[in-house]
Protein backbone atom coordinates (compact mmCIF):
# COMPACT_ATOMS: atom_id res chain seq x y z
CA MET A 1 -36.30 20.94 20.67
CA VAL A 2 -34.29 17.55 21.86
CA LEU A 3 -31.21 17.59 24.47
CA LEU A 4 -28.90 15.58 25.59
CA GLN A 5 -27.77 14.86 28.93
CA PHE A 6 -24.36 15.03 29.90
CA LEU A 7 -22.99 14.54 33.37
CA ASP A 8 -21.91 18.03 33.78
CA CYS A 9 -24.25 19.91 31.33
CA MET A 10 -27.45 19.87 28.84
CA ILE A 11 -27.03 20.90 25.35
CA SER A 12 -28.97 20.72 22.34
CA TYR A 13 -29.18 17.84 19.95
CA GLU A 14 -28.53 20.61 17.02
CA THR A 15 -25.14 21.96 18.88
CA PHE A 16 -23.77 18.56 19.61
CA LEU A 17 -24.41 17.75 15.96
CA ASN A 18 -22.75 21.00 14.87
CA ASP A 19 -19.65 20.43 16.97
CA VAL A 20 -19.14 16.95 16.00
CA SER A 21 -19.72 17.45 12.22
CA ALA A 22 -16.92 20.77 12.71
CA ARG A 23 -14.81 18.09 14.35
CA ILE A 24 -14.97 15.79 11.48
CA VAL A 25 -13.94 18.23 8.94
CA LYS A 26 -11.08 19.47 10.71
CA LEU A 27 -9.78 15.82 10.55
CA LEU A 28 -10.65 15.26 7.14
CA LYS A 29 -8.26 18.43 6.53
CA SER A 30 -5.86 17.34 8.41
CA ASP A 31 -5.49 13.81 6.76
CA LYS A 32 -6.27 14.64 3.42
CA GLU A 33 -2.60 14.64 2.42
CA ASP A 34 -1.99 11.57 3.97
CA PRO A 35 -0.79 8.90 1.39
CA GLU A 36 -2.98 5.65 1.83
CA TYR A 37 0.24 3.74 2.76
CA VAL A 38 3.57 4.64 4.33
CA SER A 39 6.72 2.59 5.07
CA GLN A 40 7.36 1.10 8.18
CA ARG A 41 10.47 3.92 8.75
CA LYS A 42 8.00 6.71 8.20
CA ALA A 43 5.47 5.46 10.42
CA PHE A 44 7.85 5.18 12.78
CA GLU A 45 8.62 9.12 12.22
CA MET A 46 5.21 9.75 12.18
CA PHE A 47 3.56 7.90 15.48
CA GLY A 48 6.48 6.84 17.04
CA ARG A 49 8.25 3.74 16.97
CA ARG A 50 7.51 2.02 20.19
CA ASN A 51 3.42 3.05 19.50
CA VAL A 52 3.77 1.33 16.05
CA GLU A 53 5.30 -1.97 17.46
CA ARG A 54 3.09 -1.99 20.32
CA TRP A 55 -0.49 -1.76 17.83
CA ARG A 56 1.28 -4.59 15.63
CA LYS A 57 1.90 -6.78 18.97
CA GLN A 58 -1.63 -6.57 20.15
CA GLY A 59 -3.13 -7.02 16.53
CA LYS A 60 -4.17 -3.49 15.72
CA VAL A 61 -2.60 -3.02 13.12
CA ILE A 62 -1.13 -5.77 10.52
CA PRO A 63 1.36 -4.51 8.29
CA CYS A 64 1.23 -4.92 4.22
CA LYS A 65 4.62 -6.71 3.69
CA ARG A 66 6.13 -6.60 -0.35
CA PRO A 67 9.00 -7.82 -1.33
CA GLY A 68 11.85 -5.72 0.60
CA LYS A 69 9.15 -3.00 2.44
CA VAL A 70 7.13 -3.59 5.38
CA GLU A 71 3.79 -0.68 4.94
CA TYR A 72 1.31 0.33 7.03
CA ASN A 73 -1.97 1.92 6.07
CA THR A 74 -2.34 5.31 7.29
CA SER A 75 -5.78 5.52 7.88
CA GLU A 76 -5.42 2.88 10.37
CA LEU A 77 -2.42 4.11 12.28
CA ARG A 78 -4.39 7.62 12.56
CA LEU A 79 -7.35 5.94 14.23
CA LEU A 80 -5.10 4.00 16.63
CA GLN A 81 -3.38 7.30 17.13
CA ARG A 82 -6.76 9.13 18.34
CA THR A 83 -8.26 6.44 20.26
CA ILE A 84 -7.34 6.04 24.04
CA GLN A 85 -4.93 3.29 24.68
CA ASP A 86 -4.87 0.76 27.38
CA TYR A 87 -1.22 0.53 27.83
CA PHE A 88 -1.46 -2.92 30.16
CA ASP A 89 -2.41 -4.75 27.45
């Protein structure tokens, strides 16, 4: 049996994989209704205006500009939402 050692405990590799796969399935289910792209207004509603503007300023997300429209890739915004941010960048 393979064990993984963390600072506070040891768990089996199988338990670790089961936990990771369960989390992935949960995230896939929660995101399956998301459109591929959202308008800037919708992105501000979903993720917060300041967050989207900060991510854009830091170059972490690049908007897709179309005539009369600014859109963002929803999956990129979701990834940034789930990533621990360094607000002092």
